[in-house]
Protein backbone atom coordinates (compact mmCIF):
# COMPACT_ATOMS: atom_id res chain seq x y z
CA MET A 1 50.62 -54.91 1.45
CA GLN A 2 50.49 -51.30 0.38
CA ALA A 3 51.82 -52.18 -3.07
CA ILE A 4 49.16 -54.88 -3.49
CA GLN A 5 46.42 -52.51 -2.37
CA LYS A 6 47.67 -49.87 -4.80
CA ARG A 7 47.58 -52.34 -7.68
CA ILE A 8 44.03 -53.37 -6.75
CA ASP A 9 42.92 -49.70 -6.67
CA ASP A 10 44.55 -49.07 -10.04
CA ALA A 11 42.77 -52.08 -11.54
CA LYS A 12 39.41 -50.91 -10.15
CA GLN A 13 39.94 -47.44 -11.56
CA LYS A 14 40.82 -48.85 -14.98
CA ILE A 15 37.66 -51.02 -14.97
CA LEU A 16 35.48 -48.05 -13.99
CA ASP A 17 37.04 -45.86 -16.65
CA PHE A 18 36.47 -48.57 -19.26
CA ILE A 19 32.81 -49.10 -18.25
CA PHE A 20 31.84 -45.45 -18.04
CA GLY A 21 33.90 -44.50 -21.07
CA SER A 22 32.29 -47.22 -23.25
CA ALA A 23 28.81 -46.29 -21.94
CA LYS A 24 29.40 -42.65 -22.84
CA ASP A 25 30.60 -43.58 -26.33
CA THR A 26 27.60 -45.86 -26.80
CA ALA A 27 25.17 -43.12 -25.72
CA ILE A 28 26.78 -40.63 -28.11
CA ARG A 29 26.65 -43.10 -30.98
CA LEU A 30 23.02 -43.96 -30.21
CA LEU A 31 22.08 -40.27 -30.13
CA LEU A 32 23.85 -39.65 -33.44
CA LEU A 33 22.11 -42.69 -34.95
CA ILE A 34 18.69 -41.42 -33.81
CA LEU A 35 19.38 -37.95 -35.23
CA LEU A 36 20.60 -39.41 -38.52
CA GLY A 37 17.56 -41.70 -38.77
CA SER A 38 15.19 -38.80 -38.09
CA PHE A 39 16.92 -36.71 -40.73
CA ILE A 40 16.76 -39.50 -43.33
CA LEU A 41 13.06 -40.13 -42.57
CA SER A 42 12.20 -36.42 -42.82
CA ALA A 43 14.16 -36.11 -46.07
CA SER A 44 12.37 -39.17 -47.51
CA ILE A 45 8.94 -37.78 -46.66
CA PHE A 46 9.85 -34.35 -48.04
CA ILE A 47 11.15 -35.84 -51.30
CA TYR A 48 7.98 -37.90 -51.81
CA VAL A 49 5.67 -34.96 -51.02
CA ALA A 50 7.61 -32.69 -53.38
CA PHE A 51 7.49 -35.34 -56.11
CA TYR A 52 3.75 -35.90 -55.55
CA TYR A 53 2.78 -32.25 -55.89
CA SER A 54 5.09 -31.69 -58.85
CA TYR A 55 4.05 -34.87 -60.71
CA MET A 56 0.35 -35.07 -59.86
CA PRO A 57 -1.82 -32.38 -61.49
CA ALA A 58 -5.01 -31.03 -59.99
CA VAL A 59 -7.83 -33.54 -60.31
CA THR A 60 -10.65 -31.14 -61.15
CA HIS A 61 -10.95 -27.55 -62.37
CA THR A 62 -14.37 -25.95 -62.11
CA ARG A 63 -15.36 -22.62 -63.66
CA PRO A 64 -18.80 -20.94 -63.56
CA VAL A 65 -20.40 -20.23 -66.93
CA HIS A 66 -22.34 -16.97 -67.13
CA LEU A 67 -24.45 -17.17 -70.25
CA GLN A 68 -25.27 -14.06 -72.23
CA PHE A 69 -27.62 -13.46 -75.15
CA GLN A 70 -28.96 -10.70 -77.37
CA PRO A 71 -32.50 -9.76 -76.27
CA CYS A 72 -35.24 -8.92 -78.71
CA GLU A 73 -36.05 -5.22 -78.51
CA PRO A 74 -39.72 -5.12 -79.54
CA HIS A 75 -40.73 -8.19 -77.56
CA ASN A 76 -39.39 -10.09 -74.61
CA GLY A 77 -37.35 -13.06 -75.69
CA VAL A 78 -33.98 -14.32 -76.81
CA CYS A 79 -32.83 -13.28 -80.27
CA SER A 80 -29.41 -15.02 -80.18
CA PHE A 81 -27.89 -18.23 -78.89
CA PRO A 82 -26.83 -18.01 -75.23
CA SER A 83 -23.02 -17.96 -75.06
CA ALA A 84 -20.28 -17.33 -72.51
CA HIS A 85 -16.59 -16.58 -72.39
CA VAL A 86 -14.88 -18.57 -69.62
CA VAL A 87 -11.39 -17.53 -68.53
CA LEU A 88 -9.61 -20.72 -67.54
CA THR A 89 -6.48 -19.04 -66.24
CA LYS A 90 -4.64 -15.73 -66.41
CA ARG A 91 -1.30 -17.45 -66.28
CA GLN A 92 0.62 -19.16 -69.05
CA GLN A 93 -1.23 -22.48 -68.69
CA LEU A 94 -3.71 -24.33 -66.51
CA LEU A 95 -3.55 -27.93 -67.66
CA THR A 96 -0.58 -30.31 -67.53
CA PHE A 97 1.17 -31.33 -70.74
CA GLY A 98 0.75 -34.99 -71.65
CA GLN A 99 -2.25 -35.46 -69.33
CA LYS A 100 -5.65 -36.37 -70.76
CA TYR A 101 -8.72 -34.55 -69.47
CA ARG A 102 -12.46 -35.06 -69.58
CA ILE A 103 -14.33 -31.77 -70.15
CA TYR A 104 -18.07 -31.57 -69.54
CA LEU A 105 -20.72 -28.92 -68.99
CA THR A 106 -23.46 -29.16 -66.36
CA LEU A 107 -26.75 -27.36 -66.96
CA ASP A 108 -29.41 -26.77 -64.31
CA MET A 109 -32.63 -26.62 -66.33
CA PRO A 110 -36.12 -26.16 -64.85
CA GLU A 111 -38.87 -28.60 -65.77
CA SER A 112 -40.85 -25.75 -67.27
CA PRO A 113 -43.36 -26.10 -70.10
CA LYS A 114 -41.05 -24.23 -72.41
CA ASN A 115 -38.19 -26.68 -71.83
CA LYS A 116 -40.61 -29.59 -72.19
CA ASP A 117 -41.81 -28.18 -75.49
CA LEU A 118 -38.30 -28.07 -76.97
CA ALA A 119 -38.20 -29.80 -80.31
CA GLY A 120 -36.10 -32.74 -79.23
CA MET A 121 -32.47 -32.07 -78.56
CA PHE A 122 -30.37 -28.93 -78.64
CA MET A 123 -26.65 -28.49 -79.36
CA VAL A 124 -23.97 -27.40 -76.91
CA CYS A 125 -20.62 -26.28 -78.37
CA LEU A 126 -17.26 -25.58 -76.73
CA SER A 127 -14.21 -23.91 -78.26
CA MET A 128 -10.80 -23.97 -76.59
CA ARG A 129 -8.53 -21.04 -77.47
CA ASP A 130 -5.09 -19.85 -76.43
CA LYS A 131 -4.17 -16.42 -75.08
CA ASP A 132 -3.99 -15.03 -78.65
CA ALA A 133 -7.55 -16.25 -79.35
CA ASN A 134 -6.32 -18.95 -81.72
CA LEU A 135 -8.68 -21.93 -81.98
CA MET A 136 -7.07 -25.00 -80.43
CA SER A 137 -10.01 -27.41 -80.36
CA HIS A 138 -13.75 -27.38 -80.99
CA SER A 139 -16.52 -29.77 -80.02
CA CYS A 140 -20.34 -29.88 -80.17
CA ARG A 141 -22.60 -32.35 -78.41
CA ALA A 142 -26.38 -32.87 -78.27
CA ALA A 143 -28.34 -32.63 -75.05
CA MET A 144 -31.90 -32.81 -73.83
CA LEU A 145 -33.98 -33.13 -70.69
CA HIS A 146 -34.78 -36.59 -69.36
CA TYR A 147 -38.27 -37.68 -70.31
CA LYS A 148 -40.85 -38.01 -67.51
CA SER A 149 -44.48 -38.94 -68.04
CA GLU A 150 -47.33 -36.90 -66.64
CA LEU A 151 -48.19 -39.65 -64.15
CA LEU A 152 -44.61 -39.77 -62.86
CA LEU A 153 -44.52 -35.98 -62.55
CA THR A 154 -47.81 -36.00 -60.62
CA ILE A 155 -46.61 -38.69 -58.20
CA LYS A 156 -43.28 -36.92 -57.69
CA THR A 157 -45.01 -33.61 -57.05
CA LEU A 158 -47.31 -35.17 -54.45
CA LEU A 159 -44.51 -37.00 -52.65
CA PHE A 160 -42.11 -34.06 -52.58
CA SER A 161 -44.73 -31.36 -52.13
CA PRO A 162 -43.54 -30.42 -48.58
CA PHE A 163 -39.97 -30.03 -49.81
CA LEU A 164 -41.14 -28.16 -52.87
CA ILE A 165 -43.25 -25.81 -50.80
CA PHE A 166 -40.58 -24.99 -48.22
CA GLY A 167 -37.77 -24.78 -50.79
CA PRO A 168 -35.20 -27.54 -50.10
CA THR A 169 -35.85 -29.00 -53.57
CA GLU A 170 -36.81 -27.57 -56.92
CA GLU A 171 -38.43 -28.87 -60.09
CA LYS A 172 -35.30 -28.96 -62.15
CA GLN A 173 -32.96 -31.40 -63.81
CA GLY A 174 -29.20 -31.50 -64.03
CA VAL A 175 -28.06 -32.13 -67.59
CA VAL A 176 -24.45 -33.25 -68.04
CA VAL A 177 -22.97 -32.77 -71.51
CA GLU A 178 -19.57 -34.36 -72.12
CA LEU A 179 -17.77 -32.23 -74.69
CA PHE A 180 -14.26 -33.79 -74.67
CA SER A 181 -13.51 -37.31 -73.48
CA ASP A 182 -9.70 -37.28 -74.04
CA TYR A 183 -8.60 -33.68 -74.31
CA GLU A 184 -4.82 -33.22 -74.29
CA GLU A 185 -3.09 -29.87 -73.92
CA ASP A 186 -0.85 -28.53 -76.66
CA SER A 187 2.63 -27.88 -75.26
CA LEU A 188 3.31 -25.00 -77.67
CA LYS A 189 -0.05 -23.23 -77.40
CA PRO A 190 -1.85 -24.07 -74.15
CA ALA A 191 -5.52 -23.21 -73.86
CA THR A 192 -6.33 -20.30 -71.56
CA ASP A 193 -9.94 -19.48 -72.57
CA ALA A 194 -13.10 -21.44 -73.32
CA TYR A 195 -16.15 -20.29 -75.28
CA VAL A 196 -19.48 -21.99 -74.61
CA GLU A 197 -22.55 -21.69 -76.84
CA ILE A 198 -26.04 -23.15 -76.34
CA GLN A 199 -27.53 -23.44 -79.83
CA SER A 200 -31.14 -23.01 -78.81
CA ARG A 201 -33.03 -19.77 -78.24
CA ASN A 202 -35.85 -21.50 -76.35
CA ALA A 203 -33.84 -23.33 -73.68
CA GLU A 204 -34.24 -22.03 -70.16
CA ILE A 205 -31.23 -22.51 -67.89
CA TYR A 206 -30.82 -21.70 -64.21
CA ALA A 207 -27.03 -22.05 -64.01
CA SER A 208 -24.18 -23.85 -65.71
CA GLN A 209 -20.63 -24.88 -64.85
CA LEU A 210 -17.66 -26.07 -66.86
CA HIS A 211 -15.74 -28.99 -65.35
CA ILE A 212 -12.30 -30.21 -66.39
CA HIS A 213 -11.52 -33.57 -64.83
CA ALA A 214 -8.13 -35.31 -65.16
CA HIS A 215 -8.23 -38.86 -66.48
CA PHE A 216 -5.29 -40.58 -64.78
CA THR A 217 -3.44 -43.59 -66.15
CA GLY A 218 -0.32 -45.50 -65.16
CA LEU A 219 1.63 -44.24 -62.17
CA ARG A 220 -0.65 -41.26 -61.63
CA TYR A 221 -3.65 -43.57 -61.45
CA LEU A 222 -1.94 -45.71 -58.80
CA MET A 223 -0.86 -42.68 -56.77
CA PHE A 224 -4.37 -41.21 -56.89
CA GLN A 225 -6.38 -44.37 -56.27
CA TRP A 226 -4.09 -45.87 -53.59
CA PRO A 227 -2.35 -42.92 -51.93
CA ILE A 228 -1.36 -44.73 -48.70
CA ILE A 229 0.23 -47.70 -50.46
CA SER A 230 1.97 -45.41 -52.94
CA ALA A 231 3.27 -43.18 -50.15
CA THR A 232 4.54 -46.20 -48.20
CA ILE A 233 6.39 -47.58 -51.22
CA GLY A 234 7.78 -44.18 -52.21
CA ILE A 235 9.00 -43.24 -48.73
CA SER A 236 10.49 -46.72 -48.22
CA SER A 237 12.37 -46.44 -51.50
CA ASN A 238 13.71 -43.03 -50.51
CA LEU A 239 14.78 -44.41 -47.13
CA PHE A 240 16.59 -47.30 -48.81
CA PHE A 241 18.56 -45.15 -51.25
CA LEU A 242 19.35 -42.43 -48.70
CA GLY A 243 20.49 -45.10 -46.23
CA ILE A 244 22.82 -46.59 -48.87
CA ILE A 245 24.24 -43.14 -49.63
CA CYS A 246 24.84 -42.40 -45.93
CA ALA A 247 26.41 -45.83 -45.36
CA LEU A 248 28.76 -45.44 -48.32
CA SER A 249 29.69 -41.94 -47.17
CA TYR A 250 30.40 -43.22 -43.65
CA PHE A 251 32.57 -46.08 -44.91
CA HIS A 252 34.42 -43.71 -47.22
CA LEU A 253 35.13 -41.25 -44.40
CA THR A 254 36.23 -43.95 -41.96
CA ARG A 255 38.41 -45.55 -44.63
CA SER A 256 40.00 -42.20 -45.42
CA LYS A 257 40.62 -41.61 -41.71
CA GLU A 258 42.26 -45.03 -41.32
CA ASP A 259 44.45 -44.42 -44.38
CA PHE A 260 45.44 -41.05 -43.01
CA GLU A 261 46.32 -42.56 -39.63
CA GLU A 262 48.33 -45.32 -41.29
CA MET A 263 50.11 -42.77 -43.44
CA THR A 264 50.80 -40.59 -40.40
CA ASP A 265 52.08 -43.56 -38.44
CA SER A 266 54.32 -44.62 -41.32
CA ASP A 267 55.63 -41.06 -41.66
CA LEU A 268 56.29 -40.88 -37.93
CA PHE A 269 58.02 -44.25 -38.05
CA GLN A 270 60.08 -43.16 -41.01
CA GLY A 271 60.94 -39.94 -39.18
CA ASP A 272 62.04 -41.93 -36.14
CA LEU A 273 64.22 -44.12 -38.37
CA ASP A 274 65.77 -41.04 -39.94
CA GLU A 275 66.44 -39.56 -36.53
CA LEU A 276 67.98 -42.81 -35.35
CA TYR A 277 70.05 -42.98 -38.50
CA ASP A 278 71.25 -39.41 -37.99
CA GLU A 279 72.06 -40.12 -34.36
CA ASP A 280 74.00 -43.24 -35.38
CA ASN A 281 75.88 -41.23 -37.96
CA GLU A 282 76.67 -38.56 -35.37
CA GLU A 283 77.83 -41.18 -32.91
CA ASP A 284 79.98 -42.82 -35.59
CA ALA A 285 81.43 -39.44 -36.50
CA ASP A 286 82.22 -38.72 -32.85
CA GLU A 287 83.83 -42.11 -32.43
CA ARG A 288 85.89 -41.65 -35.58
CA ALA A 289 86.98 -38.18 -34.42
CA LYS A 290 87.91 -39.52 -31.01
CA LYS A 291 89.73 -42.41 -32.60
CA LYS A 292 91.61 -40.05 -34.93
CA ALA A 293 92.55 -37.75 -32.05
CA LYS A 294 93.73 -40.74 -30.07
CA GLU A 295 95.86 -41.91 -32.99
CA ILE A 296 97.38 -38.45 -33.32
CA GLU A 297 98.16 -38.37 -29.61
CA ASP A 298 99.72 -41.82 -29.81
CA GLU A 299 101.86 -40.75 -32.74
CA LYS A 300 103.02 -37.67 -30.84
CA THR A 301 103.81 -39.76 -27.78
CA ASN A 302 105.76 -42.27 -29.83
CA THR A 303 107.63 -39.47 -31.58
CA SER A 304 108.63 -37.81 -28.28
CA ALA A 305 109.80 -41.12 -26.84
CA SER A 306 111.94 -41.87 -29.88
CA ASP A 307 113.52 -38.43 -29.71
CA PHE A 308 114.32 -38.90 -26.04
CA ASP A 309 115.92 -42.29 -26.74
CA ASP A 310 118.03 -40.93 -29.63
CA GLN A 311 119.63 -38.09 -27.63
CA PRO A 312 121.89 -40.20 -25.25
CA LEU A 313 122.94 -42.32 -28.21
CA LYS A 314 123.90 -39.26 -30.16
CA GLY A 315 125.93 -37.91 -27.18
CA LYS A 316 127.85 -41.12 -26.88
CA ILE A 317 128.72 -41.09 -30.56
CA GLU A 318 129.96 -37.55 -30.33
CA GLU A 319 132.19 -38.46 -27.37
């Protein structure tokens, strides 16, 4: 009965060890899998974000334009065309090579009698130069205020008179002059400065700004217009390739471990065979030595017996 009870206890202990041991291994593997998945997901997001900020240029660059002119000394007025030097960047370059840009100038012009009396249109010119002041590109475009009749101006003034009195709105127009529609940066001599000139001495301008807007096409257009879809596809692709790399690495390591274990087992088996062979040789050598010693002893015994038998015979012959 005691032997049976002992066997039952041993079987229970083995079952418990198997259950708890397998549960522990499963928990460790699950934890490692979660850590590996988190690492792969973080790496995928980081790779996509790094690619996005390195591949996608800034959408818009805006620089204020401070116009200057030569005043007339004897009388008040403008004796030269208003112009401005705009520093785009103090670094090597501002714009991305191979990317097309739309460059336009915005002018805030009051609806003053002097601006209304302008003889039609006026010219706005822009020159792009590199850091050595070499001319890279030049463009001139015509601009003018939008026409409004006296009746329309009167109605607008009456309707917006409270806002005009208290200051939220002003009697001005925003004139947008597109100077470059497809400007592309030169890779050898990037533009770092812009020179603006208003070719009219009678134009009155509140403020002006130079805008450089990127015109995206292809992959950049998709990434800019649909950022969530692009991010989902990009991160999923990174997850797929990183998962394949990790799986191949895991299989390679496990395969190498199995080969090493097989090699070790074969070496151990070969070592055991060599030891057995050496032991057999030693046993054979011992047996041969014992057999040889036994033969020598038998020969000595036989020799002594023959000598003992020959002595009485020899005595009889002598007698």
